N, C-alpha and C. Protein backbone atom coordinates (compact mmCIF):
# COMPACT_ATOMS: atom_id res chain seq x y z
N UNK A 1 0.59 -1.14 -0.17
CA UNK A 1 -0.31 0.62 0.36
C UNK A 1 1.05 1.32 -0.12
N UNK A 2 -0.20 2.13 -0.15
CA UNK A 2 0.59 3.68 -0.11
C UNK A 2 1.26 4.22 1.32
N UNK A 3 2.18 4.73 1.81
CA UNK A 3 2.32 4.80 2.95
C UNK A 3 1.80 6.40 3.36
N UNK A 4 2.00 7.04 2.57
CA UNK A 4 1.20 8.25 3.10
C UNK A 4 -0.23 7.99 3.45
N UNK A 5 -0.95 6.87 2.64
CA UNK A 5 -2.14 6.38 2.75
C UNK A 5 -2.24 5.67 4.94
N UNK A 6 -1.88 5.05 4.68
CA UNK A 6 -1.52 4.55 5.53
C UNK A 6 -1.50 5.38 6.99
N UNK A 7 -0.16 6.32 6.63
CA UNK A 7 -0.16 7.64 7.90
C UNK A 7 -0.76 8.18 8.26
N UNK A 8 -1.85 9.56 6.83
CA UNK A 8 -2.39 9.34 7.08
C UNK A 8 -3.74 9.21 8.01
N UNK A 9 -4.25 7.22 7.48
CA UNK A 9 -5.02 6.86 8.10
C UNK A 9 -5.03 6.75 9.50
N UNK A 10 -3.97 6.35 10.14
CA UNK A 10 -3.42 6.22 11.31
C UNK A 10 -3.70 7.75 12.28
N UNK A 11 -3.84 8.61 11.83
CA UNK A 11 -3.32 10.27 12.43
C UNK A 11 -4.65 10.45 11.66
N UNK A 12 -6.04 10.46 11.18
CA UNK A 12 -7.49 10.33 11.93
C UNK A 12 -7.92 9.52 12.65
N UNK A 13 -7.39 8.14 12.18
CA UNK A 13 -7.56 7.18 13.98
C UNK A 13 -7.60 6.60 14.81
N UNK A 14 -6.96 7.95 15.26
CA UNK A 14 -5.32 7.87 16.41
C UNK A 14 -5.90 8.74 17.47
N UNK A 15 -7.36 9.84 17.51
CA UNK A 15 -7.73 10.47 18.65
C UNK A 15 -9.00 9.87 18.06
N UNK A 16 -9.63 9.58 17.34
CA UNK A 16 -11.30 8.36 17.37
C UNK A 16 -10.67 6.85 18.77
N UNK A 17 -9.68 6.48 18.21
CA UNK A 17 -9.37 5.46 18.93
C UNK A 17 -8.98 5.98 20.77
N UNK A 18 -8.61 7.22 20.82
CA UNK A 18 -8.36 7.71 22.47
C UNK A 18 -9.49 7.46 22.63
N UNK A 19 -10.38 8.00 22.08
CA UNK A 19 -11.56 9.09 22.86
C UNK A 19 -12.64 7.80 22.55
N UNK A 20 -12.73 6.23 22.35
CA UNK A 20 -13.26 5.97 22.69
C UNK A 20 -14.50 6.27 21.35
N UNK A 21 -14.60 6.89 20.57
CA UNK A 21 -15.71 7.29 19.74
C UNK A 21 -15.99 5.77 18.56
N UNK A 22 -14.56 5.33 18.07
CA UNK A 22 -14.27 4.35 17.24
C UNK A 22 -14.78 2.92 17.70
N UNK A 23 -14.53 2.97 18.89
CA UNK A 23 -14.91 1.21 19.52
C UNK A 23 -16.62 1.70 19.83
N UNK A 24 -16.94 2.65 20.23
CA UNK A 24 -18.79 3.08 20.08
C UNK A 24 -19.28 2.45 18.61
N UNK A 25 -18.63 3.06 17.65
CA UNK A 25 -19.20 3.19 16.53
C UNK A 25 -19.38 1.58 16.38
N UNK A 26 -18.03 0.97 16.40
CA UNK A 26 -17.75 -0.64 15.82
C UNK A 26 -19.12 -1.45 16.45
N UNK A 27 -19.20 -1.09 17.78
CA UNK A 27 -19.24 -1.61 19.06
C UNK A 27 -21.08 -1.89 18.56
N UNK A 28 -21.91 -0.78 18.08
CA UNK A 28 -23.54 -0.68 17.84
C UNK A 28 -22.88 -1.94 16.03
N UNK A 29 -21.86 -1.62 15.60
CA UNK A 29 -22.45 -2.62 14.46
C UNK A 29 -22.18 -4.12 15.42
N UNK A 30 -21.08 -4.87 15.68
CA UNK A 30 -21.09 -5.44 16.36
C UNK A 30 -22.26 -6.19 16.85
N UNK A 31 -23.39 -5.50 17.74
CA UNK A 31 -24.48 -5.66 18.48
C UNK A 31 -25.21 -6.43 17.71
N UNK A 32 -25.16 -5.24 16.81
CA UNK A 32 -26.39 -5.86 15.68
C UNK A 32 -26.15 -6.88 14.05
N UNK A 33 -24.40 -7.56 13.97
CA UNK A 33 -24.41 -8.53 13.46
C UNK A 33 -24.41 -9.64 14.77
N UNK A 34 -24.22 -9.94 15.89
CA UNK A 34 -24.57 -10.48 16.89
C UNK A 34 -26.86 -11.17 16.83
N UNK A 35 -27.26 -9.85 16.81
CA UNK A 35 -28.36 -10.18 17.26
C UNK A 35 -28.86 -10.50 15.76
N UNK A 36 -28.85 -10.28 14.86
CA UNK A 36 -28.33 -10.76 13.00
C UNK A 36 -28.45 -12.25 13.32
N UNK A 37 -27.02 -12.83 13.85
CA UNK A 37 -26.90 -14.27 13.80
C UNK A 37 -26.66 -15.11 14.84
N UNK A 38 -27.33 -14.83 15.53
CA UNK A 38 -28.34 -15.37 16.47
C UNK A 38 -29.62 -15.82 16.73
N UNK A 39 -30.56 -14.42 15.51
CA UNK A 39 -31.40 -15.30 15.50
C UNK A 39 -31.88 -14.96 13.49
N UNK A 40 -30.96 -15.71 13.24
CA UNK A 40 -30.96 -15.92 11.53
C UNK A 40 -31.98 -16.47 10.99
N UNK A 41 -33.37 -17.71 11.77
CA UNK A 41 -34.57 -18.07 11.71
C UNK A 41 -35.99 -16.85 11.17
N UNK A 42 -35.85 -15.52 12.24
CA UNK A 42 -36.28 -14.44 12.30
C UNK A 42 -36.13 -13.27 11.29
N UNK A 43 -34.11 -13.36 11.50
CA UNK A 43 -33.83 -12.61 10.50
C UNK A 43 -34.75 -13.31 9.01
N UNK A 44 -34.59 -14.17 8.38
CA UNK A 44 -35.32 -14.86 6.87
C UNK A 44 -36.99 -14.29 6.92
N UNK A 45 -37.22 -14.70 8.42
CA UNK A 45 -39.11 -14.24 8.18
C UNK A 45 -39.04 -13.29 7.83
N UNK A 46 -38.91 -12.31 8.47
CA UNK A 46 -38.57 -11.09 8.86
C UNK A 46 -38.40 -10.45 7.35
N UNK A 47 -37.79 -11.13 6.05
CA UNK A 47 -37.56 -10.49 4.74
C UNK A 47 -36.73 -9.32 4.88
N UNK A 48 -35.43 -9.80 5.38
CA UNK A 48 -34.94 -8.58 5.82
C UNK A 48 -34.37 -7.81 4.09
N UNK A 49 -34.29 -8.41 3.45
CA UNK A 49 -33.61 -8.26 1.77
C UNK A 49 -31.95 -8.67 1.75
N UNK A 50 -32.17 -8.61 0.91
CA UNK A 50 -30.39 -9.04 0.58
C UNK A 50 -29.20 -7.66 0.69
N UNK A 51 -30.62 -6.64 1.36
CA UNK A 51 -29.11 -5.57 1.39
C UNK A 51 -30.00 -4.59 2.37
N UNK A 52 -28.89 -3.88 3.58
CA UNK A 52 -29.74 -2.90 4.02
C UNK A 52 -31.13 -2.35 3.55
N UNK A 53 -30.13 -1.83 2.67
CA UNK A 53 -31.47 -0.63 1.89
C UNK A 53 -32.34 -1.38 1.27
N UNK A 54 -32.75 -2.82 1.32
CA UNK A 54 -33.72 -3.41 0.83
C UNK A 54 -34.20 -2.91 3.15
N UNK A 55 -33.46 -3.29 3.64
CA UNK A 55 -34.02 -4.02 4.90
C UNK A 55 -34.78 -2.76 5.48
N UNK A 56 -33.70 -0.95 5.05
CA UNK A 56 -34.82 -0.14 5.74
C UNK A 56 -35.47 0.38 4.53
N UNK A 57 -35.71 0.10 3.06
CA UNK A 57 -37.23 0.38 2.44
C UNK A 57 -38.49 -0.75 3.13
N UNK A 58 -37.77 -1.94 3.76
CA UNK A 58 -38.97 -3.05 3.79
C UNK A 58 -40.01 -1.71 5.73
N UNK A 59 -39.39 -0.95 6.64
CA UNK A 59 -39.34 -1.03 7.50
C UNK A 59 -41.26 -0.39 7.91
N UNK A 60 -41.48 -0.41 8.38
CA UNK A 60 -43.12 -0.44 8.76
C UNK A 60 -42.97 0.47 10.05
N UNK A 61 -43.20 2.58 9.60
CA UNK A 61 -42.77 3.32 10.17
C UNK A 61 -44.05 2.97 11.27
N UNK A 62 -45.64 2.79 11.11
CA UNK A 62 -47.06 2.95 11.84
C UNK A 62 -46.33 1.84 13.32
N UNK A 63 -45.32 0.99 12.86
CA UNK A 63 -45.23 -0.44 13.76
C UNK A 63 -44.01 0.24 14.72
N UNK A 64 -43.68 1.09 14.81
CA UNK A 64 -42.74 1.64 16.59
C UNK A 64 -43.03 2.16 17.10
N UNK A 65 -43.30 1.58 18.57
CA UNK A 65 -43.68 1.74 19.77
C UNK A 65 -43.10 3.08 20.14
N UNK A 66 -41.83 3.61 20.41
CA UNK A 66 -40.87 4.37 21.03
C UNK A 66 -40.54 5.26 20.01
N UNK A 67 -39.73 6.26 20.90
CA UNK A 67 -39.62 7.33 20.10
C UNK A 67 -37.70 7.18 19.63
N UNK A 68 -37.07 5.62 19.85
CA UNK A 68 -35.71 5.46 19.90
C UNK A 68 -35.82 4.51 18.30
N UNK A 69 -36.51 3.64 18.51
CA UNK A 69 -37.20 3.41 16.95
C UNK A 69 -37.21 4.27 15.67
N UNK A 70 -38.31 5.35 15.81
CA UNK A 70 -38.09 6.54 15.41
C UNK A 70 -36.85 7.23 14.90
N UNK A 71 -36.14 7.57 15.58
CA UNK A 71 -34.87 8.06 16.38
C UNK A 71 -34.11 7.69 15.07
N UNK A 72 -33.61 5.84 15.12
CA UNK A 72 -32.77 5.09 14.35
C UNK A 72 -33.08 5.24 13.38
N UNK A 73 -34.05 5.03 13.11
CA UNK A 73 -34.57 4.82 11.30
C UNK A 73 -34.31 6.55 10.63
N UNK A 74 -34.78 7.06 10.90
CA UNK A 74 -34.14 8.65 10.58
C UNK A 74 -32.81 8.78 10.16
N UNK A 75 -32.09 8.22 11.51
CA UNK A 75 -30.58 7.96 11.01
C UNK A 75 -30.16 7.59 9.90
N UNK A 76 -30.71 6.31 10.04
CA UNK A 76 -31.08 5.53 8.79
C UNK A 76 -30.77 6.20 7.55
N UNK A 77 -31.58 6.76 7.36
CA UNK A 77 -32.06 7.05 6.12
C UNK A 77 -31.34 8.36 5.90
N UNK A 78 -31.03 8.97 6.76
CA UNK A 78 -30.19 9.81 7.09
C UNK A 78 -28.46 9.56 6.30
N UNK A 79 -28.11 8.14 6.79
CA UNK A 79 -26.95 7.61 6.64
C UNK A 79 -26.68 6.85 5.67
N UNK A 80 -28.40 6.30 4.32
CA UNK A 80 -28.03 6.38 3.81
C UNK A 80 -28.28 6.84 2.02
N UNK A 81 -28.00 7.75 2.72
CA UNK A 81 -28.04 9.05 1.46
C UNK A 81 -26.90 9.89 0.93
N UNK A 82 -25.82 9.13 1.85
CA UNK A 82 -24.63 9.31 2.40
C UNK A 82 -23.55 7.90 1.54
N UNK A 83 -24.49 6.96 1.78
CA UNK A 83 -24.02 5.44 1.94
C UNK A 83 -23.14 5.25 0.24
N UNK A 84 -22.54 5.03 0.14
CA UNK A 84 -21.38 4.49 -1.30
C UNK A 84 -20.87 2.98 -0.92
N UNK A 85 -20.53 1.65 -1.22
CA UNK A 85 -19.95 1.02 -0.99
C UNK A 85 -18.54 0.12 -1.52
N UNK A 86 -18.35 2.26 -2.03
CA UNK A 86 -16.84 1.90 -2.49
C UNK A 86 -16.43 3.31 -1.48
N UNK A 87 -17.18 3.76 -0.45
CA UNK A 87 -16.09 4.97 0.10
C UNK A 87 -15.05 4.13 1.47
N UNK A 88 -14.75 5.08 0.84
CA UNK A 88 -13.16 5.23 2.10
C UNK A 88 -13.57 4.92 3.57
N UNK A 89 -12.42 5.15 4.34
CA UNK A 89 -13.34 3.88 5.53
C UNK A 89 -13.33 5.66 6.81
N UNK A 90 -12.63 6.83 6.19
CA UNK A 90 -12.59 8.14 6.68
C UNK A 90 -14.15 8.95 6.15
N UNK A 91 -14.87 8.38 5.46
CA UNK A 91 -15.59 8.84 5.13
C UNK A 91 -16.86 7.93 5.55
N UNK A 92 -16.87 6.69 5.84
CA UNK A 92 -17.67 5.56 6.44
C UNK A 92 -17.62 5.84 7.95
N UNK A 93 -16.64 6.75 9.01
CA UNK A 93 -16.66 6.34 9.78
C UNK A 93 -17.45 8.10 10.06
N UNK A 94 -17.29 8.97 9.34
CA UNK A 94 -18.31 10.31 9.08
C UNK A 94 -19.63 9.67 8.90
N UNK A 95 -20.19 9.01 8.38
CA UNK A 95 -21.18 8.72 7.99
C UNK A 95 -21.97 7.94 9.03
N UNK A 96 -20.81 7.48 9.61
CA UNK A 96 -21.51 6.48 10.31
C UNK A 96 -22.11 6.91 12.13
N UNK A 97 -20.58 8.38 12.35
CA UNK A 97 -20.96 8.09 14.11
C UNK A 97 -21.80 9.24 14.80
N UNK A 98 -23.17 9.72 13.29
CA UNK A 98 -24.06 9.85 14.37
C UNK A 98 -25.10 8.81 15.15
N UNK A 99 -24.76 7.98 14.25
CA UNK A 99 -25.46 6.91 14.91
C UNK A 99 -25.52 6.15 15.88
N UNK A 100 -24.27 6.59 16.47
CA UNK A 100 -24.24 5.51 17.60
C UNK A 100 -25.02 5.86 18.61
N UNK A 101 -25.69 7.35 18.93
CA UNK A 101 -26.82 7.46 19.73
C UNK A 101 -27.97 7.22 19.73
N UNK A 102 -28.51 7.30 18.24
CA UNK A 102 -29.70 6.77 18.18
C UNK A 102 -29.50 5.22 18.44
N UNK A 103 -28.23 4.44 17.66
CA UNK A 103 -28.42 2.73 18.25
C UNK A 103 -28.35 2.47 19.16
N UNK A 104 -27.83 3.69 20.36
CA UNK A 104 -27.37 2.84 21.48
C UNK A 104 -29.07 3.29 22.89
N UNK A 105 -29.64 4.63 22.37
CA UNK A 105 -30.94 4.25 22.91
C UNK A 105 -31.99 3.91 22.45
N UNK A 106 -31.85 2.97 21.21
CA UNK A 106 -32.24 1.83 20.75
C UNK A 106 -32.21 0.97 20.94
N UNK A 107 -31.02 0.25 21.33
CA UNK A 107 -31.29 -0.89 22.47
C UNK A 107 -31.26 -0.94 23.97
N UNK A 108 -30.84 0.59 24.57
CA UNK A 108 -31.59 0.56 25.83
C UNK A 108 -33.14 0.20 25.82
N UNK A 109 -34.25 1.18 24.88
CA UNK A 109 -34.66 1.23 25.12
C UNK A 109 -36.15 0.37 24.36
N UNK A 110 -35.71 -0.44 23.69
CA UNK A 110 -36.45 -1.85 23.03
C UNK A 110 -35.64 -3.48 23.05
N UNK A 111 -37.30 -3.70 23.21
CA UNK A 111 -36.71 -4.51 23.29
C UNK A 111 -36.76 -5.57 21.20
N UNK A 112 -35.57 -6.06 20.70
CA UNK A 112 -35.39 -5.99 19.46
C UNK A 112 -36.17 -7.91 19.08
N UNK A 113 -35.85 -8.39 20.11
CA UNK A 113 -37.08 -9.56 20.26
C UNK A 113 -38.30 -9.99 20.55
N UNK A 114 -39.30 -8.79 20.17
CA UNK A 114 -40.43 -9.14 20.80
C UNK A 114 -40.61 -9.99 21.12
N UNK A 115 -42.07 -10.58 21.62
CA UNK A 115 -43.24 -11.53 21.24
C UNK A 115 -43.73 -11.72 20.18
N UNK A 116 -43.64 -10.16 19.96
CA UNK A 116 -45.16 -9.34 18.45
C UNK A 116 -44.28 -9.65 17.35
N UNK A 117 -44.65 -11.23 16.76
CA UNK A 117 -43.81 -11.16 15.53
C UNK A 117 -43.66 -10.12 14.31
N UNK A 118 -45.11 -9.08 14.58
CA UNK A 118 -44.73 -8.09 13.31
C UNK A 118 -43.60 -7.10 14.22
N UNK A 119 -43.20 -6.69 14.92
CA UNK A 119 -42.65 -5.91 15.87
C UNK A 119 -41.25 -6.77 16.27
N UNK A 120 -41.59 -7.72 16.19
CA UNK A 120 -39.89 -8.11 15.73
C UNK A 120 -39.28 -8.45 14.89
N UNK A 121 -39.87 -8.60 13.58
CA UNK A 121 -39.39 -8.64 12.16
C UNK A 121 -39.08 -7.11 11.57
N UNK A 122 -39.81 -5.59 12.06
CA UNK A 122 -39.89 -4.18 12.33
C UNK A 122 -38.28 -4.07 12.21
N UNK A 123 -37.67 -4.12 13.92
CA UNK A 123 -36.59 -4.48 14.47
C UNK A 123 -35.68 -4.85 14.01
N UNK A 124 -35.86 -6.49 13.52
CA UNK A 124 -34.80 -7.17 12.44
C UNK A 124 -34.77 -6.15 11.84
N UNK A 125 -35.32 -5.30 10.90
CA UNK A 125 -34.55 -4.67 9.48
C UNK A 125 -34.35 -4.17 10.35
N UNK A 126 -34.73 -2.90 11.20
CA UNK A 126 -34.25 -1.63 11.50
C UNK A 126 -31.93 -2.44 11.92
N UNK A 127 -31.69 -3.01 12.86
CA UNK A 127 -30.55 -3.84 12.75
C UNK A 127 -30.33 -3.90 11.65
N UNK A 128 -30.81 -4.71 10.67
CA UNK A 128 -30.43 -5.34 9.26
C UNK A 128 -29.71 -4.12 7.94
N UNK A 129 -30.35 -3.38 8.66
CA UNK A 129 -30.32 -2.02 7.88
C UNK A 129 -28.90 -0.95 8.61
N UNK A 130 -28.95 -1.23 9.86
CA UNK A 130 -27.40 -0.58 10.61
C UNK A 130 -26.41 -1.39 9.78
N UNK A 131 -26.58 -2.98 10.26
CA UNK A 131 -25.74 -4.04 9.49
C UNK A 131 -24.67 -3.48 8.03
N UNK A 132 -25.83 -3.07 7.44
CA UNK A 132 -26.00 -3.51 5.22
C UNK A 132 -24.91 -2.07 5.54
N UNK A 133 -24.79 -0.91 6.20
CA UNK A 133 -24.25 0.39 6.33
C UNK A 133 -22.25 -0.18 5.95
N UNK A 134 -22.31 -1.49 6.89
CA UNK A 134 -20.52 -1.46 5.92
C UNK A 134 -20.82 -2.66 5.46
N UNK A 135 -21.82 -2.68 4.69
CA UNK A 135 -21.53 -3.67 3.30
C UNK A 135 -20.09 -2.37 2.78
N UNK A 136 -19.42 -3.52 2.22
CA UNK A 136 -18.66 -3.15 1.07
C UNK A 136 -17.07 -2.13 2.00
N UNK A 137 -17.52 -2.16 2.93
CA UNK A 137 -16.16 -0.72 3.45
C UNK A 137 -15.66 -1.41 4.36
N UNK A 138 -16.56 -1.68 5.85
CA UNK A 138 -15.68 -2.74 6.63
C UNK A 138 -16.59 -4.41 6.93
N UNK A 139 -15.29 -5.15 7.10
CA UNK A 139 -16.20 -6.53 8.09
C UNK A 139 -16.32 -6.59 9.37
N UNK A 140 -17.67 -6.29 10.17
CA UNK A 140 -17.99 -6.04 11.20
C UNK A 140 -18.30 -7.61 11.91
N UNK A 141 -17.89 -8.04 11.28
CA UNK A 141 -17.80 -9.79 11.86
C UNK A 141 -16.48 -10.32 11.96
N UNK A 142 -15.80 -10.04 11.26
CA UNK A 142 -14.70 -9.55 11.98
C UNK A 142 -13.85 -9.38 12.92
N UNK A 143 -14.61 -8.53 13.14
CA UNK A 143 -14.83 -7.66 14.91
C UNK A 143 -15.58 -7.62 16.27
N UNK A 144 -16.54 -8.87 16.38
CA UNK A 144 -17.62 -9.16 16.79
C UNK A 144 -16.18 -10.06 18.56
N UNK A 145 -15.37 -10.93 18.58
CA UNK A 145 -15.48 -10.83 19.95
C UNK A 145 -13.85 -9.62 20.29
N UNK A 146 -14.13 -8.05 19.40
CA UNK A 146 -13.16 -7.28 20.34
C UNK A 146 -14.58 -6.62 20.97
N UNK A 147 -15.55 -6.79 21.14
CA UNK A 147 -16.49 -5.81 21.93
C UNK A 147 -17.90 -6.83 22.05
């Protein structure tokens, strides 16, 4: 690789590693990956689609029971306007960082694997949409042991 690219990437990442914001960001993605893999049958039944954009498009906002679901959906919608599977790491972090608080609030205030099948499916679509933002940019499945 290009040593200048490596140096500029490390310079960019160093403060994010030091202040914990990168760990918070990646932790949100890893949590979603874990939920999807532990509930693979429910994800399949929910019809989350082949991509995160498919999942986002299939979400039924009328099923939201709390503000954290709406907040995450709105943040995901903004992020998908900026998403490009060929974006660089810096752009991906900039796009994804605003999702940390909405994702945290969602997990703090929402039971993803709800008893009600339609709620569970809708919430799994939110989780799938978040995971989809890493497609082609960062393989968060490789990070699950770190968080």
